[in-house]
Amino acid sequence: MTQKTPKQGIAFFEKYLSFWVILCIIMGILLGNFLGDSIEIINHWTIFTVNIPVAILIWLMIYPMMAQIDFSSIKNVTQNKKGLSITLIINWLIKPFTMAFFAWLFFSQIYQAILSPTDAQAYLAGAILLGAAPCTAMVFVWSYLSGGDANYTLVQVSINDLVLLIAFIPIVEVLLGLHSIAIPYEVLFTSVVIFVVIPLIIGYLSNRFLIQYKGEVWFKTVFLPQLKPVSVMALLGTLVLLFAFQGDKIVANPLHILLISIPLTIQTYFIFFLAWFAGKFLGLNYQTCAPSAMIGASNFFELAVAVAISLFGLNSGASLATVVGVLIEVPIMLSLVEIAKKWRYT
C-alpha cells in the first residue's frame, strides 16, 4: 500500500500557527475580561474529571491525526532498524528526562528569584507533559519539507503511537512524582484512554473503512484535506478557552510566557541535534536521519494540553506551559527544517 504522507508543503494555517496562537491569546484574554467570573461555570462541566467542552475540541484536534495513520505499515518495521532504534531511544529513554531536567534547572533553580514555588512547579509539570508526548501528525510535514523518506516516516509514527499507549502514563507518573507533584493515577489513565486510545481506535477503523469503500485516492485527496481545517479550528478554539481562564495571570505576568519558552526551546534544539548526530554516527542516510531527528524534537502538544487540563485544570500553570509549547513549535521546527536541508548529505 502506498504511504499516506501528504505531498504538499506546510498548509497556510499551520505555517502561521504562532500568529494564530498570539491572536487566540488576545481573544481569550478579552473574552475572559468581558465574561468575568461567569466563565468559571465552564470549568465545572466535567464527567469523570474530563472537561466536556475541552474534550470535544481536543477530539476534533486529535482524530484527524489518528485517521491518517496506516498501521499496516508496521510490517515494514524491519527495513530500517537503526532509524527506528534512534526514534524509540530518543523519544522514550532520553527526551522525557532531558525535558524534566531543563524544566527543573530553569523553573526551580535559575528562575528561583522570579517565579513563586507554586508557579515553578506548575510550569515544570506542563513541560514534563510536553516532553513525554513526542510528535505524531506534524512530523509528516517536517519530514516532507526536509526531504525525508515518507515511507520511513509513516512507519516510525505508527510505531511511536503504539508505544505512546504503553509508555506515556508511567513516564509522566514517575517524572511528576520525582518532583513531588501529586496526581491521581485514575485521572491520568482516564485522560489517555479518552484522548489517545479511543481516537486511535476510531481513527484506525475509519481509515480502513473509508479506504475500502471510497478508495485511497479519495481518502487522501478529499477526506483528509477536508478534515485538516477542523483540526486547526478546534486547536484555536481550545486556545481561546484556555486563555480566557489564563488572561488575568498573563496580564499580571507577561514575562512568564518568555520564561517558559526558554527551556522548551533549548530542549527542542538539544533533542534534534542529539538524534541528528546519532543518526550520522550510525550511518543513516539523510532521508532517514532527518525524520528521525524531527519526530523527537517536535511534540504531540494536543495530547499534552488535554492531559494538563484534565489533571490540573483550565486555569493552571501547567496548561499555560503546554500552550507555550504550541506557540513556539512551528517557528522552531521550520528553523530545524532549514538546518537539516543545509546540512544535507548523501
C-alpha atoms as a PDB file:
ATOM      1  CA  MET A   1       0.000   0.000   0.000  1.00  0.00           C
ATOM      2  CA  THR A   2       1.311   3.452  -0.790  1.00  0.00           C
ATOM      3  CA  GLN A   3       2.168   5.765   2.061  1.00  0.00           C
ATOM      4  CA  LYS A   4      -0.239   8.437   3.261  1.00  0.00           C
ATOM      5  CA  THR A   5       2.116  11.311   3.795  1.00  0.00           C
ATOM      6  CA  PRO A   6       0.715  14.462   2.192  1.00  0.00           C
ATOM      7  CA  LYS A   7       2.601  15.564  -0.897  1.00  0.00           C
ATOM      8  CA  GLN A   8       2.496  19.282  -0.249  1.00  0.00           C
ATOM      9  CA  GLY A   9       4.193  21.923   1.813  1.00  0.00           C
ATOM     10  CA  ILE A  10       3.015  23.239   5.111  1.00  0.00           C
ATOM     11  CA  ALA A  11      -0.577  24.496   4.989  1.00  0.00           C
ATOM     12  CA  PHE A  12      -1.495  28.152   5.486  1.00  0.00           C
ATOM     13  CA  PHE A  13      -2.962  27.777   8.980  1.00  0.00           C
ATOM     14  CA  GLU A  14      -0.136  25.511  10.118  1.00  0.00           C
ATOM     15  CA  LYS A  15       2.579  27.745   8.658  1.00  0.00           C
ATOM     16  CA  TYR A  16       1.318  30.754  10.612  1.00  0.00           C
ATOM     17  CA  LEU A  17       0.239  28.812  13.689  1.00  0.00           C
ATOM     18  CA  SER A  18       2.282  31.011  16.031  1.00  0.00           C
ATOM     19  CA  PHE A  19       0.421  34.085  14.728  1.00  0.00           C
ATOM     20  CA  TRP A  20      -2.954  32.397  15.303  1.00  0.00           C
ATOM     21  CA  VAL A  21      -1.869  31.416  18.813  1.00  0.00           C
ATOM     22  CA  ILE A  22      -0.968  35.038  19.589  1.00  0.00           C
ATOM     23  CA  LEU A  23      -4.354  36.101  18.186  1.00  0.00           C
ATOM     24  CA  CYS A  24      -6.050  33.500  20.395  1.00  0.00           C
ATOM     25  CA  ILE A  25      -4.175  34.851  23.415  1.00  0.00           C
ATOM     26  CA  ILE A  26      -5.606  38.305  22.745  1.00  0.00           C
ATOM     27  CA  MET A  27      -9.117  36.999  22.027  1.00  0.00           C
ATOM     28  CA  GLY A  28      -9.067  34.736  25.071  1.00  0.00           C
ATOM     29  CA  ILE A  29      -7.896  37.490  27.404  1.00  0.00           C
ATOM     30  CA  LEU A  30     -10.558  39.871  26.095  1.00  0.00           C
ATOM     31  CA  LEU A  31     -13.235  37.182  26.407  1.00  0.00           C
ATOM     32  CA  GLY A  32     -12.159  36.349  29.947  1.00  0.00           C
ATOM     33  CA  ASN A  33     -12.242  40.003  30.986  1.00  0.00           C
ATOM     34  CA  PHE A  34     -15.635  40.518  29.340  1.00  0.00           C
ATOM     35  CA  LEU A  35     -17.270  37.469  30.923  1.00  0.00           C
ATOM     36  CA  GLY A  36     -15.558  37.836  34.295  1.00  0.00           C
ATOM     37  CA  ASP A  37     -16.387  35.200  36.911  1.00  0.00           C
ATOM     38  CA  SER A  38     -19.292  33.853  34.840  1.00  0.00           C
ATOM     39  CA  ILE A  39     -16.835  31.935  32.654  1.00  0.00           C
ATOM     40  CA  GLU A  40     -15.996  29.746  35.655  1.00  0.00           C
ATOM     41  CA  ILE A  41     -19.129  27.697  35.007  1.00  0.00           C
ATOM     42  CA  ILE A  42     -17.368  26.079  32.035  1.00  0.00           C
ATOM     43  CA  ASN A  43     -14.693  24.806  34.395  1.00  0.00           C
ATOM     44  CA  HIS A  44     -17.341  22.687  36.162  1.00  0.00           C
ATOM     45  CA  TRP A  45     -18.778  20.974  33.068  1.00  0.00           C
ATOM     46  CA  THR A  46     -16.965  17.719  33.708  1.00  0.00           C
ATOM     47  CA  ILE A  47     -17.605  13.984  33.597  1.00  0.00           C
ATOM     48  CA  PHE A  48     -15.058  11.685  35.262  1.00  0.00           C
ATOM     49  CA  THR A  49     -12.711  14.694  35.720  1.00  0.00           C
ATOM     50  CA  VAL A  50     -12.775  15.441  31.955  1.00  0.00           C
ATOM     51  CA  ASN A  51     -13.991  18.864  30.895  1.00  0.00           C
ATOM     52  CA  ILE A  52     -16.677  18.285  28.251  1.00  0.00           C
ATOM     53  CA  PRO A  53     -16.190  21.402  26.039  1.00  0.00           C
ATOM     54  CA  VAL A  54     -12.422  20.845  26.029  1.00  0.00           C
ATOM     55  CA  ALA A  55     -12.835  17.116  25.360  1.00  0.00           C
ATOM     56  CA  ILE A  56     -14.964  17.815  22.286  1.00  0.00           C
ATOM     57  CA  LEU A  57     -12.463  20.349  20.933  1.00  0.00           C
ATOM     58  CA  ILE A  58      -9.457  18.111  21.545  1.00  0.00           C
ATOM     59  CA  TRP A  59     -11.193  15.130  19.958  1.00  0.00           C
ATOM     60  CA  LEU A  60     -11.708  17.275  16.863  1.00  0.00           C
ATOM     61  CA  MET A  61      -7.978  18.056  17.008  1.00  0.00           C
ATOM     62  CA  ILE A  62      -6.659  14.546  17.530  1.00  0.00           C
ATOM     63  CA  TYR A  63      -8.989  12.413  15.405  1.00  0.00           C
ATOM     64  CA  PRO A  64      -7.743  13.806  12.033  1.00  0.00           C
ATOM     65  CA  MET A  65      -4.201  12.879  13.043  1.00  0.00           C
ATOM     66  CA  MET A  66      -5.130   9.377  14.065  1.00  0.00           C
ATOM     67  CA  ALA A  67      -7.215   8.808  10.928  1.00  0.00           C
ATOM     68  CA  GLN A  68      -4.228   9.256   8.630  1.00  0.00           C
ATOM     69  CA  ILE A  69      -2.046   6.648  10.385  1.00  0.00           C
ATOM     70  CA  ASP A  70      -1.820   3.377   8.460  1.00  0.00           C
ATOM     71  CA  PHE A  71      -0.807   0.719  10.968  1.00  0.00           C
ATOM     72  CA  SER A  72      -0.419  -1.830   8.191  1.00  0.00           C
ATOM     73  CA  SER A  73       2.882  -0.059   7.507  1.00  0.00           C
ATOM     74  CA  ILE A  74       4.283  -1.715  10.632  1.00  0.00           C
ATOM     75  CA  LYS A  75       5.004  -4.796   8.519  1.00  0.00           C
ATOM     76  CA  ASN A  76       7.909  -2.744   7.118  1.00  0.00           C
ATOM     77  CA  VAL A  77       9.404  -2.218  10.571  1.00  0.00           C
ATOM     78  CA  THR A  78      12.484  -4.338   9.854  1.00  0.00           C
ATOM     79  CA  GLN A  79      13.519  -2.296   6.826  1.00  0.00           C
ATOM     80  CA  ASN A  80      15.288   0.377   8.869  1.00  0.00           C
ATOM     81  CA  LYS A  81      16.127  -0.946  12.300  1.00  0.00           C
ATOM     82  CA  LYS A  82      18.780   1.673  13.045  1.00  0.00           C
ATOM     83  CA  GLY A  83      16.471   4.587  12.323  1.00  0.00           C
ATOM     84  CA  LEU A  84      13.659   3.165  14.426  1.00  0.00           C
ATOM     85  CA  SER A  85      16.097   2.412  17.246  1.00  0.00           C
ATOM     86  CA  ILE A  86      17.110   6.076  17.330  1.00  0.00           C
ATOM     87  CA  THR A  87      13.457   7.148  17.298  1.00  0.00           C
ATOM     88  CA  LEU A  88      12.496   4.867  20.187  1.00  0.00           C
ATOM     89  CA  ILE A  89      15.579   5.579  22.314  1.00  0.00           C
ATOM     90  CA  ILE A  90      15.413   9.356  21.849  1.00  0.00           C
ATOM     91  CA  ASN A  91      11.632   9.611  22.266  1.00  0.00           C
ATOM     92  CA  TRP A  92      11.168   7.345  25.252  1.00  0.00           C
ATOM     93  CA  LEU A  93      14.500   6.883  27.066  1.00  0.00           C
ATOM     94  CA  ILE A  94      16.035  10.336  26.677  1.00  0.00           C
ATOM     95  CA  LYS A  95      13.613  13.113  25.689  1.00  0.00           C
ATOM     96  CA  PRO A  96      11.183  12.961  28.662  1.00  0.00           C
ATOM     97  CA  PHE A  97      14.073  13.019  31.125  1.00  0.00           C
ATOM     98  CA  THR A  98      16.045  15.834  29.479  1.00  0.00           C
ATOM     99  CA  MET A  99      12.846  17.901  29.331  1.00  0.00           C
ATOM    100  CA  ALA A 100      12.300  17.290  33.043  1.00  0.00           C
ATOM    101  CA  PHE A 101      15.921  18.259  33.719  1.00  0.00           C
ATOM    102  CA  PHE A 102      15.828  21.511  31.726  1.00  0.00           C
ATOM    103  CA  ALA A 103      12.465  22.406  33.278  1.00  0.00           C
ATOM    104  CA  TRP A 104      13.799  21.773  36.795  1.00  0.00           C
ATOM    105  CA  LEU A 105      17.018  23.685  36.057  1.00  0.00           C
ATOM    106  CA  PHE A 106      15.200  26.792  34.833  1.00  0.00           C
ATOM    107  CA  PHE A 107      11.943  26.858  36.794  1.00  0.00           C
ATOM    108  CA  SER A 108      13.272  25.682  40.156  1.00  0.00           C
ATOM    109  CA  GLN A 109      16.857  26.962  40.055  1.00  0.00           C
ATOM    110  CA  ILE A 110      17.636  29.730  37.555  1.00  0.00           C
ATOM    111  CA  TYR A 111      14.222  31.405  37.918  1.00  0.00           C
ATOM    112  CA  GLN A 112      14.078  30.903  41.666  1.00  0.00           C
ATOM    113  CA  ALA A 113      14.116  34.634  42.390  1.00  0.00           C
ATOM    114  CA  ILE A 114      11.493  35.361  39.707  1.00  0.00           C
ATOM    115  CA  LEU A 115       8.884  32.607  39.987  1.00  0.00           C
ATOM    116  CA  SER A 116       6.931  31.582  43.047  1.00  0.00           C
ATOM    117  CA  PRO A 117       7.363  27.915  44.070  1.00  0.00           C
ATOM    118  CA  THR A 118       3.750  27.291  43.018  1.00  0.00           C
ATOM    119  CA  ASP A 119       4.246  28.687  39.515  1.00  0.00           C
ATOM    120  CA  ALA A 120       7.594  26.937  39.124  1.00  0.00           C
ATOM    121  CA  GLN A 121       6.075  23.561  39.980  1.00  0.00           C
ATOM    122  CA  ALA A 122       3.090  24.124  37.689  1.00  0.00           C
ATOM    123  CA  TYR A 123       5.243  25.110  34.699  1.00  0.00           C
ATOM    124  CA  LEU A 124       7.536  22.164  35.360  1.00  0.00           C
ATOM    125  CA  ALA A 125       4.531  19.818  35.251  1.00  0.00           C
ATOM    126  CA  GLY A 126       3.408  21.232  31.903  1.00  0.00           C
ATOM    127  CA  ALA A 127       6.906  20.859  30.458  1.00  0.00           C
ATOM    128  CA  ILE A 128       7.034  17.232  31.587  1.00  0.00           C
ATOM    129  CA  LEU A 129       3.747  16.513  29.819  1.00  0.00           C
ATOM    130  CA  LEU A 130       5.177  18.015  26.612  1.00  0.00           C
ATOM    131  CA  GLY A 131       8.382  16.019  26.918  1.00  0.00           C
ATOM    132  CA  ALA A 132       6.538  12.743  27.363  1.00  0.00           C
ATOM    133  CA  ALA A 133       4.440  13.244  24.201  1.00  0.00           C
ATOM    134  CA  PRO A 134       6.593  13.104  21.034  1.00  0.00           C
ATOM    135  CA  CYS A 135       5.138  14.244  17.725  1.00  0.00           C
ATOM    136  CA  THR A 136       2.636  12.307  15.622  1.00  0.00           C
ATOM    137  CA  ALA A 137       0.963  14.033  12.673  1.00  0.00           C
ATOM    138  CA  MET A 138       3.067  17.170  12.190  1.00  0.00           C
ATOM    139  CA  VAL A 139       6.215  15.097  11.697  1.00  0.00           C
ATOM    140  CA  PHE A 140       4.789  14.193   8.265  1.00  0.00           C
ATOM    141  CA  VAL A 141       5.063  17.875   7.360  1.00  0.00           C
ATOM    142  CA  TRP A 142       8.564  18.318   8.800  1.00  0.00           C
ATOM    143  CA  SER A 143       9.745  15.156   7.051  1.00  0.00           C
ATOM    144  CA  TYR A 144       8.328  16.257   3.714  1.00  0.00           C
ATOM    145  CA  LEU A 145       9.750  19.782   3.935  1.00  0.00           C
ATOM    146  CA  SER A 146      13.209  18.460   4.820  1.00  0.00           C
ATOM    147  CA  GLY A 147      13.168  15.810   2.074  1.00  0.00           C
ATOM    148  CA  GLY A 148      12.849  12.807   4.385  1.00  0.00           C
ATOM    149  CA  ASP A 149      11.756   9.301   3.457  1.00  0.00           C
ATOM    150  CA  ALA A 150       7.933   9.343   3.523  1.00  0.00           C
ATOM    151  CA  ASN A 151       7.576   5.571   3.966  1.00  0.00           C
ATOM    152  CA  TYR A 152      10.023   5.508   6.864  1.00  0.00           C
ATOM    153  CA  THR A 153       8.229   8.466   8.475  1.00  0.00           C
ATOM    154  CA  LEU A 154       4.933   6.595   8.286  1.00  0.00           C
ATOM    155  CA  VAL A 155       6.445   3.527   9.948  1.00  0.00           C
ATOM    156  CA  GLN A 156       8.095   5.484  12.771  1.00  0.00           C
ATOM    157  CA  VAL A 157       4.917   7.446  13.509  1.00  0.00           C
ATOM    158  CA  SER A 158       2.852   4.244  13.618  1.00  0.00           C
ATOM    159  CA  ILE A 159       5.321   2.571  15.984  1.00  0.00           C
ATOM    160  CA  ASN A 160       5.561   5.711  18.085  1.00  0.00           C
ATOM    161  CA  ASP A 161       1.777   5.868  18.552  1.00  0.00           C
ATOM    162  CA  LEU A 162       1.686   2.275  19.754  1.00  0.00           C
ATOM    163  CA  VAL A 163       4.499   2.893  22.249  1.00  0.00           C
ATOM    164  CA  LEU A 164       2.656   6.002  23.430  1.00  0.00           C
ATOM    165  CA  LEU A 165      -0.219   3.810  24.606  1.00  0.00           C
ATOM    166  CA  ILE A 166       2.123   1.926  26.932  1.00  0.00           C
ATOM    167  CA  ALA A 167       4.848   4.374  27.940  1.00  0.00           C
ATOM    168  CA  PHE A 168       3.148   7.745  28.394  1.00  0.00           C
ATOM    169  CA  ILE A 169       1.374   7.057  31.699  1.00  0.00           C
ATOM    170  CA  PRO A 170       4.293   5.501  33.628  1.00  0.00           C
ATOM    171  CA  ILE A 171       6.790   8.098  32.370  1.00  0.00           C
ATOM    172  CA  VAL A 172       4.550  11.014  33.354  1.00  0.00           C
ATOM    173  CA  GLU A 173       3.770   9.463  36.716  1.00  0.00           C
ATOM    174  CA  VAL A 174       7.443   8.819  37.521  1.00  0.00           C
ATOM    175  CA  LEU A 175       8.703  12.253  36.424  1.00  0.00           C
ATOM    176  CA  LEU A 176       5.958  14.179  38.190  1.00  0.00           C
ATOM    177  CA  GLY A 177       6.481  12.019  41.272  1.00  0.00           C
ATOM    178  CA  LEU A 178      10.219  12.783  41.309  1.00  0.00           C
ATOM    179  CA  HIS A 179       9.345  16.450  41.619  1.00  0.00           C
ATOM    180  CA  SER A 180       6.736  15.817  44.321  1.00  0.00           C
ATOM    181  CA  ILE A 181       3.853  16.714  42.015  1.00  0.00           C
ATOM    182  CA  ALA A 182       0.984  14.507  43.126  1.00  0.00           C
ATOM    183  CA  ILE A 183      -1.514  13.361  40.507  1.00  0.00           C
ATOM    184  CA  PRO A 184      -4.374  10.873  40.779  1.00  0.00           C
ATOM    185  CA  TYR A 185      -3.457   7.874  38.642  1.00  0.00           C
ATOM    186  CA  GLU A 186      -7.063   7.299  37.613  1.00  0.00           C
ATOM    187  CA  VAL A 187      -7.293  10.820  36.152  1.00  0.00           C
ATOM    188  CA  LEU A 188      -4.116  10.299  34.126  1.00  0.00           C
ATOM    189  CA  PHE A 189      -5.332   6.900  32.938  1.00  0.00           C
ATOM    190  CA  THR A 190      -8.766   8.277  32.003  1.00  0.00           C
ATOM    191  CA  SER A 191      -7.168  11.131  30.048  1.00  0.00           C
ATOM    192  CA  VAL A 192      -5.021   8.774  27.984  1.00  0.00           C
ATOM    193  CA  VAL A 193      -7.958   6.479  27.249  1.00  0.00           C
ATOM    194  CA  ILE A 194     -10.182   9.378  26.178  1.00  0.00           C
ATOM    195  CA  PHE A 195      -7.607  11.390  24.251  1.00  0.00           C
ATOM    196  CA  VAL A 196      -5.395   8.638  22.792  1.00  0.00           C
ATOM    197  CA  VAL A 197      -6.888   5.170  22.885  1.00  0.00           C
ATOM    198  CA  ILE A 198     -10.413   5.955  21.706  1.00  0.00           C
ATOM    199  CA  PRO A 199      -9.400   8.409  18.928  1.00  0.00           C
ATOM    200  CA  LEU A 200      -6.713   5.948  17.828  1.00  0.00           C
ATOM    201  CA  ILE A 201      -9.208   3.080  17.524  1.00  0.00           C
ATOM    202  CA  ILE A 202     -11.838   5.208  15.772  1.00  0.00           C
ATOM    203  CA  GLY A 203      -9.196   6.728  13.512  1.00  0.00           C
ATOM    204  CA  TYR A 204      -7.871   3.309  12.518  1.00  0.00           C
ATOM    205  CA  LEU A 205     -11.346   1.877  11.860  1.00  0.00           C
ATOM    206  CA  SER A 206     -12.444   4.872   9.807  1.00  0.00           C
ATOM    207  CA  ASN A 207      -9.164   4.743   7.868  1.00  0.00           C
ATOM    208  CA  ARG A 208      -9.738   1.111   6.918  1.00  0.00           C
ATOM    209  CA  PHE A 209     -13.448   1.554   6.201  1.00  0.00           C
ATOM    210  CA  LEU A 210     -13.167   4.685   4.065  1.00  0.00           C
ATOM    211  CA  ILE A 211     -10.232   3.399   2.034  1.00  0.00           C
ATOM    212  CA  GLN A 212     -12.021   0.112   1.426  1.00  0.00           C
ATOM    213  CA  TYR A 213     -15.282   1.710   0.268  1.00  0.00           C
ATOM    214  CA  LYS A 214     -14.111   5.019  -1.190  1.00  0.00           C
ATOM    215  CA  GLY A 215     -10.570   4.256  -2.260  1.00  0.00           C
ATOM    216  CA  GLU A 216      -7.204   5.560  -1.124  1.00  0.00           C
ATOM    217  CA  VAL A 217      -7.111   8.400  -3.647  1.00  0.00           C
ATOM    218  CA  TRP A 218     -10.427   9.823  -2.379  1.00  0.00           C
ATOM    219  CA  PHE A 219      -9.291   9.368   1.232  1.00  0.00           C
ATOM    220  CA  LYS A 220      -6.032  11.265   0.682  1.00  0.00           C
ATOM    221  CA  THR A 221      -7.219  13.960  -1.711  1.00  0.00           C
ATOM    222  CA  VAL A 222     -10.761  14.649  -0.431  1.00  0.00           C
ATOM    223  CA  PHE A 223     -11.363  13.354   3.103  1.00  0.00           C
ATOM    224  CA  LEU A 224      -8.086  14.264   4.823  1.00  0.00           C
ATOM    225  CA  PRO A 225      -7.858  17.780   3.313  1.00  0.00           C
ATOM    226  CA  GLN A 226     -11.434  18.489   4.464  1.00  0.00           C
ATOM    227  CA  LEU A 227     -10.538  17.239   7.935  1.00  0.00           C
ATOM    228  CA  LYS A 228      -7.445  19.435   8.387  1.00  0.00           C
ATOM    229  CA  PRO A 229      -9.274  22.765   8.882  1.00  0.00           C
ATOM    230  CA  VAL A 230     -11.455  21.106  11.530  1.00  0.00           C
ATOM    231  CA  SER A 231      -8.355  20.112  13.490  1.00  0.00           C
ATOM    232  CA  VAL A 232      -6.790  23.575  13.274  1.00  0.00           C
ATOM    233  CA  MET A 233     -10.011  25.394  14.200  1.00  0.00           C
ATOM    234  CA  ALA A 234     -10.525  23.064  17.173  1.00  0.00           C
ATOM    235  CA  LEU A 235      -6.984  23.820  18.329  1.00  0.00           C
ATOM    236  CA  LEU A 236      -7.581  27.559  18.078  1.00  0.00           C
ATOM    237  CA  GLY A 237     -10.909  27.224  19.902  1.00  0.00           C
ATOM    238  CA  THR A 238      -9.178  25.343  22.718  1.00  0.00           C
ATOM    239  CA  LEU A 239      -6.554  28.076  22.987  1.00  0.00           C
ATOM    240  CA  VAL A 240      -9.181  30.818  23.185  1.00  0.00           C
ATOM    241  CA  LEU A 241     -10.873  28.917  26.005  1.00  0.00           C
ATOM    242  CA  LEU A 242      -7.575  28.365  27.814  1.00  0.00           C
ATOM    243  CA  PHE A 243      -6.544  31.998  27.622  1.00  0.00           C
ATOM    244  CA  ALA A 244      -9.971  33.132  28.732  1.00  0.00           C
ATOM    245  CA  PHE A 245      -9.089  31.421  32.020  1.00  0.00           C
ATOM    246  CA  GLN A 246      -5.404  32.403  31.942  1.00  0.00           C
ATOM    247  CA  GLY A 247      -5.937  36.061  30.973  1.00  0.00           C
ATOM    248  CA  ASP A 248      -5.513  37.653  34.409  1.00  0.00           C
ATOM    249  CA  LYS A 249      -2.342  35.644  35.015  1.00  0.00           C
ATOM    250  CA  ILE A 250      -0.842  36.670  31.656  1.00  0.00           C
ATOM    251  CA  VAL A 251      -1.741  40.334  32.088  1.00  0.00           C
ATOM    252  CA  ALA A 252      -0.195  40.326  35.556  1.00  0.00           C
ATOM    253  CA  ASN A 253       2.930  38.361  34.490  1.00  0.00           C
ATOM    254  CA  PRO A 254       3.537  38.643  30.723  1.00  0.00           C
ATOM    255  CA  LEU A 255       7.206  37.788  31.319  1.00  0.00           C
ATOM    256  CA  HIS A 256       6.181  34.246  32.240  1.00  0.00           C
ATOM    257  CA  ILE A 257       5.497  33.383  28.596  1.00  0.00           C
ATOM    258  CA  LEU A 258       9.123  34.167  27.744  1.00  0.00           C
ATOM    259  CA  LEU A 259      10.429  32.373  30.822  1.00  0.00           C
ATOM    260  CA  ILE A 260       8.524  29.212  29.921  1.00  0.00           C
ATOM    261  CA  SER A 261       9.634  29.306  26.291  1.00  0.00           C
ATOM    262  CA  ILE A 262      13.378  29.317  27.045  1.00  0.00           C
ATOM    263  CA  PRO A 263      13.788  25.763  28.456  1.00  0.00           C
ATOM    264  CA  LEU A 264      11.280  24.412  25.924  1.00  0.00           C
ATOM    265  CA  THR A 265      13.327  25.925  23.099  1.00  0.00           C
ATOM    266  CA  ILE A 266      16.629  24.609  24.448  1.00  0.00           C
ATOM    267  CA  GLN A 267      15.116  21.148  24.797  1.00  0.00           C
ATOM    268  CA  THR A 268      13.854  21.156  21.194  1.00  0.00           C
ATOM    269  CA  TYR A 269      17.223  22.029  19.669  1.00  0.00           C
ATOM    270  CA  PHE A 270      19.070  19.673  22.026  1.00  0.00           C
ATOM    271  CA  ILE A 271      16.946  16.673  21.053  1.00  0.00           C
ATOM    272  CA  PHE A 272      17.199  17.452  17.344  1.00  0.00           C
ATOM    273  CA  PHE A 273      20.997  17.694  17.382  1.00  0.00           C
ATOM    274  CA  LEU A 274      21.314  14.587  19.563  1.00  0.00           C
ATOM    275  CA  ALA A 275      19.193  12.495  17.179  1.00  0.00           C
ATOM    276  CA  TRP A 276      20.810  14.038  14.091  1.00  0.00           C
ATOM    277  CA  PHE A 277      24.401  13.263  15.110  1.00  0.00           C
ATOM    278  CA  ALA A 278      23.422   9.833  16.444  1.00  0.00           C
ATOM    279  CA  GLY A 279      21.935   9.052  13.045  1.00  0.00           C
ATOM    280  CA  LYS A 280      25.043  10.196  11.222  1.00  0.00           C
ATOM    281  CA  PHE A 281      27.247   8.197  13.599  1.00  0.00           C
ATOM    282  CA  LEU A 282      25.213   5.052  12.915  1.00  0.00           C
ATOM    283  CA  GLY A 283      25.455   5.607   9.158  1.00  0.00           C
ATOM    284  CA  LEU A 284      21.824   6.508   8.407  1.00  0.00           C
ATOM    285  CA  ASN A 285      21.187   8.122   5.058  1.00  0.00           C
ATOM    286  CA  TYR A 286      19.855  11.667   5.089  1.00  0.00           C
ATOM    287  CA  GLN A 287      16.303  10.639   4.116  1.00  0.00           C
ATOM    288  CA  THR A 288      16.089   8.545   7.289  1.00  0.00           C
ATOM    289  CA  CYS A 289      18.140  10.740   9.603  1.00  0.00           C
ATOM    290  CA  ALA A 290      16.044  13.875   9.020  1.00  0.00           C
ATOM    291  CA  PRO A 291      12.651  12.460  10.122  1.00  0.00           C
ATOM    292  CA  SER A 292      14.344  10.569  12.967  1.00  0.00           C
ATOM    293  CA  ALA A 293      15.571  13.882  14.328  1.00  0.00           C
ATOM    294  CA  MET A 294      12.302  15.720  13.632  1.00  0.00           C
ATOM    295  CA  ILE A 295       9.945  13.350  15.462  1.00  0.00           C
ATOM    296  CA  GLY A 296      11.763  13.698  18.770  1.00  0.00           C
ATOM    297  CA  ALA A 297      12.216  17.456  18.513  1.00  0.00           C
ATOM    298  CA  SER A 298       8.523  18.086  17.844  1.00  0.00           C
ATOM    299  CA  ASN A 299       5.742  17.442  20.370  1.00  0.00           C
ATOM    300  CA  PHE A 300       2.256  15.942  20.442  1.00  0.00           C
ATOM    301  CA  PHE A 301       1.114  19.189  22.063  1.00  0.00           C
ATOM    302  CA  GLU A 302      -2.585  18.399  21.581  1.00  0.00           C
ATOM    303  CA  LEU A 303      -2.254  15.462  23.982  1.00  0.00           C
ATOM    304  CA  ALA A 304      -0.127  17.473  26.420  1.00  0.00           C
ATOM    305  CA  VAL A 305      -2.734  20.264  26.507  1.00  0.00           C
ATOM    306  CA  ALA A 306      -5.571  17.777  27.020  1.00  0.00           C
ATOM    307  CA  VAL A 307      -3.870  15.928  29.872  1.00  0.00           C
ATOM    308  CA  ALA A 308      -2.744  19.160  31.550  1.00  0.00           C
ATOM    309  CA  ILE A 309      -6.332  20.420  31.592  1.00  0.00           C
ATOM    310  CA  SER A 310      -7.638  17.110  32.932  1.00  0.00           C
ATOM    311  CA  LEU A 311      -5.009  16.850  35.672  1.00  0.00           C
ATOM    312  CA  PHE A 312      -4.600  20.464  36.730  1.00  0.00           C
ATOM    313  CA  GLY A 313      -7.499  22.474  35.282  1.00  0.00           C
ATOM    314  CA  LEU A 314      -8.107  25.100  32.620  1.00  0.00           C
ATOM    315  CA  ASN A 315      -6.631  27.914  34.683  1.00  0.00           C
ATOM    316  CA  SER A 316      -3.484  26.058  35.768  1.00  0.00           C
ATOM    317  CA  GLY A 317       0.123  26.980  35.128  1.00  0.00           C
ATOM    318  CA  ALA A 318       0.677  23.504  33.697  1.00  0.00           C
ATOM    319  CA  SER A 319      -1.906  24.156  30.985  1.00  0.00           C
ATOM    320  CA  LEU A 320      -0.277  27.505  30.241  1.00  0.00           C
ATOM    321  CA  ALA A 321       3.133  25.849  29.817  1.00  0.00           C
ATOM    322  CA  THR A 322       1.767  23.349  27.294  1.00  0.00           C
ATOM    323  CA  VAL A 323       0.187  26.195  25.318  1.00  0.00           C
ATOM    324  CA  VAL A 324       3.551  27.976  25.156  1.00  0.00           C
ATOM    325  CA  GLY A 325       4.775  24.749  23.552  1.00  0.00           C
ATOM    326  CA  VAL A 326       2.188  25.313  20.817  1.00  0.00           C
ATOM    327  CA  LEU A 327       3.293  28.932  20.428  1.00  0.00           C
ATOM    328  CA  ILE A 328       6.955  28.127  19.736  1.00  0.00           C
ATOM    329  CA  GLU A 329       6.505  24.824  17.878  1.00  0.00           C
ATOM    330  CA  VAL A 330       6.190  25.967  14.260  1.00  0.00           C
ATOM    331  CA  PRO A 331       8.926  28.619  14.061  1.00  0.00           C
ATOM    332  CA  ILE A 332      11.448  26.374  15.808  1.00  0.00           C
ATOM    333  CA  MET A 333      10.633  23.335  13.684  1.00  0.00           C
ATOM    334  CA  LEU A 334      10.826  25.386  10.484  1.00  0.00           C
ATOM    335  CA  SER A 335      14.289  26.533  11.558  1.00  0.00           C
ATOM    336  CA  LEU A 336      15.291  22.900  12.096  1.00  0.00           C
ATOM    337  CA  VAL A 337      13.990  22.017   8.634  1.00  0.00           C
ATOM    338  CA  GLU A 338      16.302  24.676   7.211  1.00  0.00           C
ATOM    339  CA  ILE A 339      19.230  23.373   9.266  1.00  0.00           C
ATOM    340  CA  ALA A 340      18.601  19.825   8.040  1.00  0.00           C
ATOM    341  CA  LYS A 341      18.482  20.939   4.402  1.00  0.00           C
ATOM    342  CA  LYS A 342      21.648  22.996   4.831  1.00  0.00           C
ATOM    343  CA  TRP A 343      23.451  20.007   6.359  1.00  0.00           C
ATOM    344  CA  ARG A 344      22.046  17.526   3.834  1.00  0.00           C
ATOM    345  CA  TYR A 345      24.413  14.696   2.992  1.00  0.00           C
ATOM    346  CA  THR A 346      24.242  11.554   0.847  1.00  0.00           C
END
